[in-house]
Amino acid sequence: MEQKLIKVIVGSKNPVKVNASRTVIAQLYPEHIVECDGIDAPSNVPDQPMDASETREGAINRVKYCKQNADADFYIAIEGGVDLLDDGPATFAYVVIANKEQQSVGRSAALPLPTPIYQSLLNGDELGPVMDKLFKTVNIKHKGGAIGLLTNGHATRESNYTQALTLAMAPFLYPDLYNQ
């Protein structure tokens, strides 16, 4: 029996985002071949989104761009951001998954950020370079991210995205339940 192809377009060429997207679709559709490619999709928000609304908007904008510029079965965007939550500053991501019929928006778990790191972000720096400087790493945002560094590798940027994407896929797995 021939396996069906699922084509996925991710609104970023960041390998962490592309790999998380490929992993989730492949796990949820094991009987399919998954072709997953990243494209440079503009977020139309600052490089370092500083609140939940801006972060969500960036992910939605990236998915819109992907839908307008590529043909695929799924379009996925992941936008990392920070915000001052009730219990202090934190970083998290919004994920948006769409196909031709529907769209699902989800959010990852939040990693508490130390105040000095958050202060650097308020001063206009991006989280990745701040972490690189602090931990003497190179391009950590394409690897484990701040999450990997601050959890001693027990969680990573990719594992956080994978969980958020898996949860956001529920409406696609059970469309009859979600579209009532």
N, C-alpha and C. Protein backbone atom coordinates (compact mmCIF):
# COMPACT_ATOMS: atom_id res chain seq x y z
N MET A 1 0.84 -1.19 0.00
CA MET A 1 0.00 0.00 0.00
C MET A 1 0.88 1.25 0.00
N GLU A 2 0.54 2.19 -0.83
CA GLU A 2 1.33 3.43 -0.94
C GLU A 2 0.97 4.39 0.19
N GLN A 3 2.01 4.97 0.80
CA GLN A 3 1.77 5.91 1.88
C GLN A 3 1.41 7.28 1.31
N LYS A 4 0.45 7.93 1.94
CA LYS A 4 0.03 9.26 1.52
C LYS A 4 1.02 10.30 2.06
N LEU A 5 1.25 11.34 1.28
CA LEU A 5 2.16 12.42 1.66
C LEU A 5 1.39 13.54 2.36
N ILE A 6 1.93 14.02 3.47
CA ILE A 6 1.42 15.23 4.13
C ILE A 6 2.49 16.29 3.98
N LYS A 7 2.11 17.39 3.36
CA LYS A 7 3.05 18.50 3.16
C LYS A 7 2.79 19.57 4.23
N VAL A 8 3.86 19.95 4.91
CA VAL A 8 3.78 20.94 5.99
C VAL A 8 4.71 22.11 5.66
N ILE A 9 4.19 23.31 5.79
CA ILE A 9 5.01 24.51 5.64
C ILE A 9 5.07 25.21 7.00
N VAL A 10 6.29 25.47 7.45
CA VAL A 10 6.51 26.15 8.73
C VAL A 10 6.97 27.58 8.44
N GLY A 11 6.41 28.54 9.16
CA GLY A 11 6.71 29.95 8.93
C GLY A 11 8.02 30.42 9.52
N SER A 12 9.06 29.60 9.39
CA SER A 12 10.40 29.93 9.88
C SER A 12 11.36 28.88 9.34
N LYS A 13 12.61 29.27 9.13
CA LYS A 13 13.64 28.30 8.76
C LYS A 13 14.43 27.84 9.98
N ASN A 14 14.06 28.31 11.17
CA ASN A 14 14.74 27.90 12.40
C ASN A 14 14.57 26.38 12.55
N PRO A 15 15.69 25.64 12.61
CA PRO A 15 15.60 24.18 12.67
C PRO A 15 14.82 23.65 13.86
N VAL A 16 14.82 24.36 14.97
CA VAL A 16 14.07 23.93 16.15
C VAL A 16 12.57 23.92 15.84
N LYS A 17 12.09 24.96 15.18
CA LYS A 17 10.66 25.07 14.85
C LYS A 17 10.26 24.07 13.77
N VAL A 18 11.12 23.89 12.77
CA VAL A 18 10.83 22.94 11.69
C VAL A 18 10.84 21.51 12.25
N ASN A 19 11.83 21.17 13.06
CA ASN A 19 11.92 19.82 13.63
C ASN A 19 10.74 19.50 14.54
N ALA A 20 10.35 20.45 15.38
CA ALA A 20 9.20 20.23 16.27
C ALA A 20 7.94 19.98 15.43
N SER A 21 7.76 20.76 14.38
CA SER A 21 6.59 20.61 13.52
C SER A 21 6.58 19.25 12.82
N ARG A 22 7.73 18.86 12.27
CA ARG A 22 7.85 17.56 11.59
C ARG A 22 7.56 16.42 12.56
N THR A 23 8.14 16.50 13.75
CA THR A 23 7.96 15.45 14.76
C THR A 23 6.49 15.26 15.12
N VAL A 24 5.80 16.36 15.36
CA VAL A 24 4.39 16.27 15.78
C VAL A 24 3.51 15.68 14.68
N ILE A 25 3.65 16.18 13.47
CA ILE A 25 2.82 15.67 12.37
C ILE A 25 3.13 14.19 12.11
N ALA A 26 4.41 13.82 12.14
CA ALA A 26 4.80 12.42 11.92
C ALA A 26 4.25 11.51 13.01
N GLN A 27 4.23 11.98 14.27
CA GLN A 27 3.70 11.16 15.37
C GLN A 27 2.19 11.01 15.26
N LEU A 28 1.50 12.08 14.86
CA LEU A 28 0.04 12.03 14.81
C LEU A 28 -0.50 11.33 13.55
N TYR A 29 0.33 11.27 12.52
CA TYR A 29 -0.08 10.63 11.26
C TYR A 29 0.98 9.60 10.85
N PRO A 30 1.16 8.53 11.66
CA PRO A 30 2.25 7.59 11.43
C PRO A 30 2.14 6.82 10.11
N GLU A 31 0.95 6.76 9.53
CA GLU A 31 0.78 6.02 8.27
C GLU A 31 1.09 6.89 7.05
N HIS A 32 1.53 8.13 7.28
CA HIS A 32 1.84 9.06 6.20
C HIS A 32 3.34 9.37 6.12
N ILE A 33 3.76 9.84 4.97
CA ILE A 33 5.10 10.39 4.80
C ILE A 33 4.95 11.90 5.01
N VAL A 34 5.78 12.47 5.85
CA VAL A 34 5.69 13.90 6.16
C VAL A 34 6.83 14.65 5.48
N GLU A 35 6.47 15.63 4.68
CA GLU A 35 7.45 16.52 4.05
C GLU A 35 7.26 17.88 4.72
N CYS A 36 8.29 18.34 5.40
CA CYS A 36 8.17 19.56 6.21
C CYS A 36 9.28 20.54 5.82
N ASP A 37 8.87 21.72 5.37
CA ASP A 37 9.83 22.74 4.96
C ASP A 37 9.53 24.06 5.65
N GLY A 38 10.60 24.78 5.97
CA GLY A 38 10.45 26.11 6.55
C GLY A 38 10.64 27.18 5.50
N ILE A 39 9.87 28.25 5.61
CA ILE A 39 10.04 29.42 4.75
C ILE A 39 10.17 30.66 5.62
N ASP A 40 10.81 31.67 5.09
CA ASP A 40 10.93 32.93 5.83
C ASP A 40 9.60 33.67 5.76
N ALA A 41 8.84 33.60 6.84
CA ALA A 41 7.54 34.26 6.89
C ALA A 41 7.64 35.41 7.89
N PRO A 42 7.29 36.62 7.48
CA PRO A 42 7.39 37.76 8.40
C PRO A 42 6.34 37.69 9.51
N SER A 43 6.76 38.05 10.71
CA SER A 43 5.83 38.08 11.84
C SER A 43 5.09 39.41 11.92
N ASN A 44 5.69 40.45 11.35
CA ASN A 44 5.15 41.81 11.43
C ASN A 44 4.95 42.29 12.87
N VAL A 45 5.75 41.74 13.77
CA VAL A 45 5.83 42.22 15.15
C VAL A 45 7.33 42.37 15.44
N PRO A 46 7.71 43.02 16.53
CA PRO A 46 9.15 43.15 16.84
C PRO A 46 9.83 41.78 16.94
N ASP A 47 11.15 41.75 16.67
CA ASP A 47 11.92 40.51 16.75
C ASP A 47 11.79 39.87 18.12
N GLN A 48 11.63 40.68 19.15
CA GLN A 48 11.42 40.15 20.50
C GLN A 48 10.05 40.63 20.98
N PRO A 49 8.99 39.85 20.73
CA PRO A 49 7.67 40.25 21.24
C PRO A 49 7.69 40.34 22.77
N MET A 50 7.10 41.42 23.27
CA MET A 50 7.19 41.70 24.71
C MET A 50 5.89 41.49 25.48
N ASP A 51 4.86 40.95 24.82
CA ASP A 51 3.66 40.57 25.57
C ASP A 51 2.93 39.47 24.82
N ALA A 52 1.96 38.87 25.48
CA ALA A 52 1.25 37.72 24.90
C ALA A 52 0.53 38.10 23.62
N SER A 53 -0.07 39.25 23.59
CA SER A 53 -0.84 39.69 22.42
C SER A 53 0.04 39.82 21.19
N GLU A 54 1.19 40.46 21.36
CA GLU A 54 2.15 40.65 20.27
C GLU A 54 2.69 39.29 19.78
N THR A 55 2.94 38.40 20.72
CA THR A 55 3.47 37.08 20.40
C THR A 55 2.45 36.28 19.59
N ARG A 56 1.20 36.29 20.05
CA ARG A 56 0.11 35.60 19.35
C ARG A 56 -0.06 36.16 17.94
N GLU A 57 -0.06 37.48 17.83
CA GLU A 57 -0.22 38.15 16.54
C GLU A 57 0.89 37.75 15.57
N GLY A 58 2.12 37.65 16.06
CA GLY A 58 3.25 37.25 15.22
C GLY A 58 3.06 35.86 14.63
N ALA A 59 2.58 34.92 15.44
CA ALA A 59 2.36 33.55 14.96
C ALA A 59 1.23 33.53 13.93
N ILE A 60 0.16 34.25 14.19
CA ILE A 60 -0.97 34.31 13.25
C ILE A 60 -0.52 34.92 11.93
N ASN A 61 0.27 35.99 11.99
CA ASN A 61 0.76 36.64 10.77
C ASN A 61 1.64 35.70 9.95
N ARG A 62 2.47 34.91 10.62
CA ARG A 62 3.34 33.97 9.90
C ARG A 62 2.52 32.89 9.18
N VAL A 63 1.48 32.38 9.84
CA VAL A 63 0.63 31.36 9.21
C VAL A 63 -0.10 31.96 8.00
N LYS A 64 -0.62 33.18 8.15
CA LYS A 64 -1.30 33.85 7.03
C LYS A 64 -0.37 33.94 5.83
N TYR A 65 0.86 34.34 6.06
CA TYR A 65 1.85 34.46 4.99
C TYR A 65 2.08 33.10 4.32
N CYS A 66 2.24 32.08 5.12
CA CYS A 66 2.47 30.73 4.59
C CYS A 66 1.31 30.29 3.70
N LYS A 67 0.09 30.52 4.16
CA LYS A 67 -1.09 30.12 3.38
C LYS A 67 -1.16 30.87 2.05
N GLN A 68 -0.73 32.12 2.06
CA GLN A 68 -0.78 32.94 0.84
C GLN A 68 0.35 32.60 -0.13
N ASN A 69 1.43 32.00 0.36
CA ASN A 69 2.63 31.82 -0.46
C ASN A 69 3.08 30.39 -0.69
N ALA A 70 2.31 29.42 -0.21
CA ALA A 70 2.70 28.02 -0.39
C ALA A 70 1.45 27.15 -0.39
N ASP A 71 1.58 26.00 -1.01
CA ASP A 71 0.49 25.02 -1.03
C ASP A 71 0.89 23.86 -0.13
N ALA A 72 0.09 23.59 0.89
CA ALA A 72 0.42 22.53 1.84
C ALA A 72 -0.84 21.99 2.49
N ASP A 73 -0.67 20.87 3.20
CA ASP A 73 -1.77 20.29 3.97
C ASP A 73 -1.91 20.99 5.32
N PHE A 74 -0.76 21.36 5.91
CA PHE A 74 -0.75 22.10 7.18
C PHE A 74 0.22 23.26 7.08
N TYR A 75 -0.15 24.35 7.72
CA TYR A 75 0.71 25.53 7.85
C TYR A 75 0.92 25.72 9.35
N ILE A 76 2.16 25.89 9.75
CA ILE A 76 2.47 26.00 11.18
C ILE A 76 3.37 27.20 11.42
N ALA A 77 3.06 27.94 12.47
CA ALA A 77 3.93 29.04 12.90
C ALA A 77 4.10 28.97 14.41
N ILE A 78 5.29 29.31 14.84
CA ILE A 78 5.64 29.32 16.26
C ILE A 78 6.32 30.64 16.53
N GLU A 79 5.79 31.39 17.47
CA GLU A 79 6.37 32.69 17.81
C GLU A 79 6.71 32.70 19.30
N GLY A 80 7.99 32.85 19.61
CA GLY A 80 8.42 32.95 21.00
C GLY A 80 8.31 34.39 21.46
N GLY A 81 7.92 34.56 22.70
CA GLY A 81 7.80 35.90 23.26
C GLY A 81 7.98 35.88 24.76
N VAL A 82 7.88 37.05 25.34
CA VAL A 82 7.98 37.19 26.80
C VAL A 82 6.85 38.09 27.28
N ASP A 83 6.55 38.00 28.55
CA ASP A 83 5.56 38.88 29.13
C ASP A 83 5.79 38.92 30.64
N LEU A 84 5.28 39.95 31.25
CA LEU A 84 5.30 40.05 32.71
C LEU A 84 3.99 39.44 33.19
N LEU A 85 4.06 38.20 33.65
CA LEU A 85 2.86 37.49 34.11
C LEU A 85 2.60 37.81 35.58
N ASP A 86 1.52 37.27 36.11
CA ASP A 86 1.16 37.54 37.51
C ASP A 86 2.28 37.20 38.50
N ASP A 87 3.05 36.16 38.17
CA ASP A 87 4.11 35.72 39.08
C ASP A 87 5.51 36.13 38.65
N GLY A 88 5.59 37.02 37.67
CA GLY A 88 6.89 37.51 37.23
C GLY A 88 7.10 37.32 35.74
N PRO A 89 8.26 37.77 35.23
CA PRO A 89 8.53 37.66 33.81
C PRO A 89 8.69 36.20 33.38
N ALA A 90 8.25 35.90 32.14
CA ALA A 90 8.35 34.54 31.62
C ALA A 90 8.46 34.57 30.11
N THR A 91 9.00 33.49 29.56
CA THR A 91 9.02 33.31 28.11
C THR A 91 8.16 32.11 27.76
N PHE A 92 7.54 32.16 26.59
CA PHE A 92 6.60 31.13 26.12
C PHE A 92 6.49 31.31 24.61
N ALA A 93 5.71 30.47 24.00
CA ALA A 93 5.48 30.61 22.56
C ALA A 93 4.00 30.44 22.26
N TYR A 94 3.57 31.11 21.22
CA TYR A 94 2.26 30.84 20.64
C TYR A 94 2.49 29.98 19.42
N VAL A 95 1.63 29.00 19.21
CA VAL A 95 1.69 28.16 18.03
C VAL A 95 0.36 28.30 17.30
N VAL A 96 0.45 28.36 15.98
CA VAL A 96 -0.76 28.41 15.15
C VAL A 96 -0.62 27.34 14.08
N ILE A 97 -1.66 26.54 13.96
CA ILE A 97 -1.70 25.49 12.94
C ILE A 97 -2.95 25.73 12.11
N ALA A 98 -2.80 25.67 10.80
CA ALA A 98 -3.95 25.87 9.92
C ALA A 98 -3.89 24.88 8.77
N ASN A 99 -5.07 24.60 8.23
CA ASN A 99 -5.16 23.93 6.93
C ASN A 99 -6.13 24.78 6.11
N LYS A 100 -6.67 24.24 5.04
CA LYS A 100 -7.55 25.05 4.19
C LYS A 100 -8.88 25.37 4.88
N GLU A 101 -9.29 24.54 5.85
CA GLU A 101 -10.60 24.69 6.48
C GLU A 101 -10.60 25.38 7.84
N GLN A 102 -9.56 25.18 8.62
CA GLN A 102 -9.62 25.68 10.00
C GLN A 102 -8.25 26.11 10.50
N GLN A 103 -8.28 26.75 11.67
CA GLN A 103 -7.06 27.21 12.32
C GLN A 103 -7.17 26.96 13.82
N SER A 104 -6.06 26.58 14.42
CA SER A 104 -6.02 26.34 15.86
C SER A 104 -4.85 27.14 16.44
N VAL A 105 -5.11 27.83 17.53
CA VAL A 105 -4.08 28.62 18.22
C VAL A 105 -3.83 27.99 19.58
N GLY A 106 -2.56 27.79 19.91
CA GLY A 106 -2.20 27.23 21.21
C GLY A 106 -1.05 28.01 21.82
N ARG A 107 -0.76 27.67 23.05
CA ARG A 107 0.32 28.36 23.74
C ARG A 107 1.13 27.34 24.53
N SER A 108 2.43 27.54 24.56
CA SER A 108 3.30 26.62 25.28
C SER A 108 3.30 26.93 26.78
N ALA A 109 3.96 26.05 27.51
CA ALA A 109 4.22 26.32 28.91
C ALA A 109 5.13 27.55 29.01
N ALA A 110 5.08 28.21 30.15
CA ALA A 110 5.88 29.42 30.36
C ALA A 110 7.07 29.10 31.26
N LEU A 111 8.24 29.60 30.85
CA LEU A 111 9.46 29.47 31.63
C LEU A 111 9.70 30.77 32.38
N PRO A 112 9.75 30.73 33.72
CA PRO A 112 10.05 31.95 34.46
C PRO A 112 11.43 32.49 34.06
N LEU A 113 11.52 33.80 33.92
CA LEU A 113 12.80 34.43 33.56
C LEU A 113 13.36 35.21 34.74
N PRO A 114 14.67 35.12 34.96
CA PRO A 114 15.29 35.95 36.00
C PRO A 114 15.12 37.43 35.64
N THR A 115 14.93 38.26 36.66
CA THR A 115 14.71 39.69 36.45
C THR A 115 15.81 40.35 35.62
N PRO A 116 17.10 40.05 35.84
CA PRO A 116 18.13 40.71 35.01
C PRO A 116 18.00 40.39 33.51
N ILE A 117 17.59 39.17 33.19
CA ILE A 117 17.39 38.80 31.79
C ILE A 117 16.21 39.58 31.22
N TYR A 118 15.12 39.61 31.96
CA TYR A 118 13.93 40.36 31.52
C TYR A 118 14.27 41.84 31.33
N GLN A 119 15.08 42.38 32.22
CA GLN A 119 15.49 43.79 32.11
C GLN A 119 16.25 44.05 30.81
N SER A 120 17.11 43.10 30.42
CA SER A 120 17.83 43.23 29.15
C SER A 120 16.85 43.27 27.97
N LEU A 121 15.79 42.48 28.07
CA LEU A 121 14.78 42.45 27.00
C LEU A 121 14.02 43.77 26.96
N LEU A 122 13.71 44.31 28.12
CA LEU A 122 13.05 45.62 28.19
C LEU A 122 13.93 46.71 27.57
N ASN A 123 15.24 46.50 27.66
CA ASN A 123 16.19 47.46 27.09
C ASN A 123 16.41 47.26 25.59
N GLY A 124 15.69 46.31 25.00
CA GLY A 124 15.73 46.14 23.55
C GLY A 124 16.51 44.95 23.03
N ASP A 125 17.08 44.14 23.92
CA ASP A 125 17.82 42.96 23.47
C ASP A 125 16.85 41.81 23.18
N GLU A 126 17.32 40.82 22.40
CA GLU A 126 16.55 39.61 22.13
C GLU A 126 17.01 38.52 23.09
N LEU A 127 16.09 37.63 23.45
CA LEU A 127 16.38 36.59 24.44
C LEU A 127 17.56 35.70 24.03
N GLY A 128 17.58 35.23 22.79
CA GLY A 128 18.67 34.33 22.35
C GLY A 128 20.05 34.91 22.59
N PRO A 129 20.33 36.10 22.05
CA PRO A 129 21.64 36.72 22.27
C PRO A 129 21.96 37.01 23.75
N VAL A 130 20.95 37.36 24.53
CA VAL A 130 21.16 37.59 25.97
C VAL A 130 21.62 36.29 26.63
N MET A 131 20.97 35.18 26.28
CA MET A 131 21.34 33.89 26.85
C MET A 131 22.73 33.46 26.37
N ASP A 132 23.03 33.69 25.07
CA ASP A 132 24.35 33.36 24.54
C ASP A 132 25.45 34.07 25.33
N LYS A 133 25.23 35.35 25.59
CA LYS A 133 26.22 36.14 26.31
C LYS A 133 26.38 35.63 27.75
N LEU A 134 25.27 35.39 28.42
CA LEU A 134 25.27 34.97 29.81
C LEU A 134 25.88 33.58 30.00
N PHE A 135 25.54 32.64 29.09
CA PHE A 135 25.97 31.25 29.24
C PHE A 135 27.15 30.89 28.32
N LYS A 136 27.66 31.90 27.59
CA LYS A 136 28.79 31.69 26.67
C LYS A 136 28.48 30.59 25.65
N THR A 137 27.28 30.67 25.05
CA THR A 137 26.85 29.74 24.00
C THR A 137 26.82 30.50 22.67
N VAL A 138 26.61 29.78 21.59
CA VAL A 138 26.53 30.38 20.27
C VAL A 138 25.20 29.98 19.62
N ASN A 139 24.38 30.97 19.29
CA ASN A 139 23.12 30.76 18.59
C ASN A 139 22.23 29.74 19.29
N ILE A 140 22.04 29.90 20.58
CA ILE A 140 21.25 28.96 21.39
C ILE A 140 19.80 28.88 20.93
N LYS A 141 19.30 29.94 20.28
CA LYS A 141 17.89 29.91 19.84
C LYS A 141 17.65 28.90 18.72
N HIS A 142 18.72 28.44 18.07
CA HIS A 142 18.58 27.38 17.07
C HIS A 142 18.89 26.02 17.68
N LYS A 143 19.02 25.99 19.01
CA LYS A 143 19.32 24.75 19.73
C LYS A 143 18.32 24.61 20.88
N GLY A 144 18.80 24.42 22.10
CA GLY A 144 17.91 24.18 23.24
C GLY A 144 17.21 25.42 23.77
N GLY A 145 17.71 26.60 23.39
CA GLY A 145 17.09 27.84 23.82
C GLY A 145 17.29 28.13 25.29
N ALA A 146 16.69 29.24 25.74
CA ALA A 146 16.74 29.62 27.15
C ALA A 146 16.18 28.49 28.02
N ILE A 147 15.18 27.79 27.49
CA ILE A 147 14.55 26.69 28.24
C ILE A 147 15.59 25.62 28.55
N GLY A 148 16.37 25.22 27.54
CA GLY A 148 17.40 24.21 27.75
C GLY A 148 18.44 24.66 28.75
N LEU A 149 18.87 25.92 28.63
CA LEU A 149 19.89 26.43 29.54
C LEU A 149 19.38 26.51 30.98
N LEU A 150 18.17 27.03 31.16
CA LEU A 150 17.66 27.28 32.52
C LEU A 150 17.06 26.04 33.18
N THR A 151 16.95 24.91 32.42
CA THR A 151 16.48 23.66 33.03
C THR A 151 17.57 22.59 32.99
N ASN A 152 18.81 23.00 32.73
CA ASN A 152 19.93 22.06 32.61
C ASN A 152 19.63 20.97 31.59
N GLY A 153 18.93 21.34 30.52
CA GLY A 153 18.66 20.40 29.44
C GLY A 153 17.51 19.44 29.66
N HIS A 154 16.82 19.55 30.78
CA HIS A 154 15.70 18.64 31.06
C HIS A 154 14.47 18.97 30.22
N ALA A 155 14.39 20.20 29.76
CA ALA A 155 13.38 20.62 28.79
C ALA A 155 14.15 21.46 27.78
N THR A 156 13.62 21.56 26.57
CA THR A 156 14.28 22.37 25.55
C THR A 156 13.23 23.20 24.84
N ARG A 157 13.71 24.11 24.06
CA ARG A 157 12.82 24.91 23.23
C ARG A 157 11.99 23.97 22.34
N GLU A 158 12.64 22.97 21.75
CA GLU A 158 11.93 22.04 20.87
C GLU A 158 10.90 21.20 21.63
N SER A 159 11.24 20.71 22.82
CA SER A 159 10.28 19.89 23.57
C SER A 159 9.06 20.73 23.98
N ASN A 160 9.28 21.98 24.29
CA ASN A 160 8.17 22.88 24.65
C ASN A 160 7.28 23.13 23.43
N TYR A 161 7.89 23.35 22.27
CA TYR A 161 7.11 23.57 21.04
C TYR A 161 6.36 22.30 20.66
N THR A 162 7.01 21.14 20.81
CA THR A 162 6.39 19.87 20.45
C THR A 162 5.12 19.65 21.26
N GLN A 163 5.18 19.91 22.56
CA GLN A 163 4.00 19.73 23.40
C GLN A 163 2.89 20.70 22.99
N ALA A 164 3.23 21.96 22.78
CA ALA A 164 2.22 22.97 22.42
C ALA A 164 1.58 22.63 21.07
N LEU A 165 2.39 22.19 20.10
CA LEU A 165 1.84 21.82 18.79
C LEU A 165 0.95 20.60 18.88
N THR A 166 1.35 19.62 19.67
CA THR A 166 0.54 18.41 19.84
C THR A 166 -0.84 18.78 20.38
N LEU A 167 -0.88 19.63 21.39
CA LEU A 167 -2.16 20.04 21.97
C LEU A 167 -2.99 20.85 20.97
N ALA A 168 -2.34 21.71 20.21
CA ALA A 168 -3.05 22.54 19.24
C ALA A 168 -3.59 21.72 18.07
N MET A 169 -3.11 20.51 17.89
CA MET A 169 -3.60 19.64 16.81
C MET A 169 -4.93 18.97 17.13
N ALA A 170 -5.38 19.01 18.38
CA ALA A 170 -6.62 18.33 18.76
C ALA A 170 -7.80 18.65 17.84
N PRO A 171 -8.04 19.93 17.47
CA PRO A 171 -9.17 20.22 16.59
C PRO A 171 -9.06 19.57 15.20
N PHE A 172 -7.84 19.27 14.77
CA PHE A 172 -7.66 18.61 13.47
C PHE A 172 -7.88 17.11 13.58
N LEU A 173 -7.61 16.54 14.76
CA LEU A 173 -7.80 15.12 14.99
C LEU A 173 -9.28 14.79 15.24
N TYR A 174 -10.02 15.75 15.80
CA TYR A 174 -11.44 15.56 16.11
C TYR A 174 -12.28 16.73 15.61
N PRO A 175 -12.26 16.97 14.30
CA PRO A 175 -12.96 18.15 13.75
C PRO A 175 -14.45 18.15 14.05
N ASP A 176 -15.09 16.98 14.09
CA ASP A 176 -16.52 16.94 14.36
C ASP A 176 -16.85 17.45 15.76
N LEU A 177 -15.98 17.17 16.70
CA LEU A 177 -16.20 17.65 18.07
C LEU A 177 -15.98 19.16 18.18
N TYR A 178 -14.93 19.64 17.52
CA TYR A 178 -14.55 21.04 17.66
C TYR A 178 -15.37 21.98 16.78
N ASN A 179 -15.99 21.46 15.74
CA ASN A 179 -16.72 22.34 14.82
C ASN A 179 -18.23 22.31 15.04
N GLN A 180 -18.65 21.97 16.25
CA GLN A 180 -20.09 21.94 16.56
C GLN A 180 -20.60 23.34 16.87
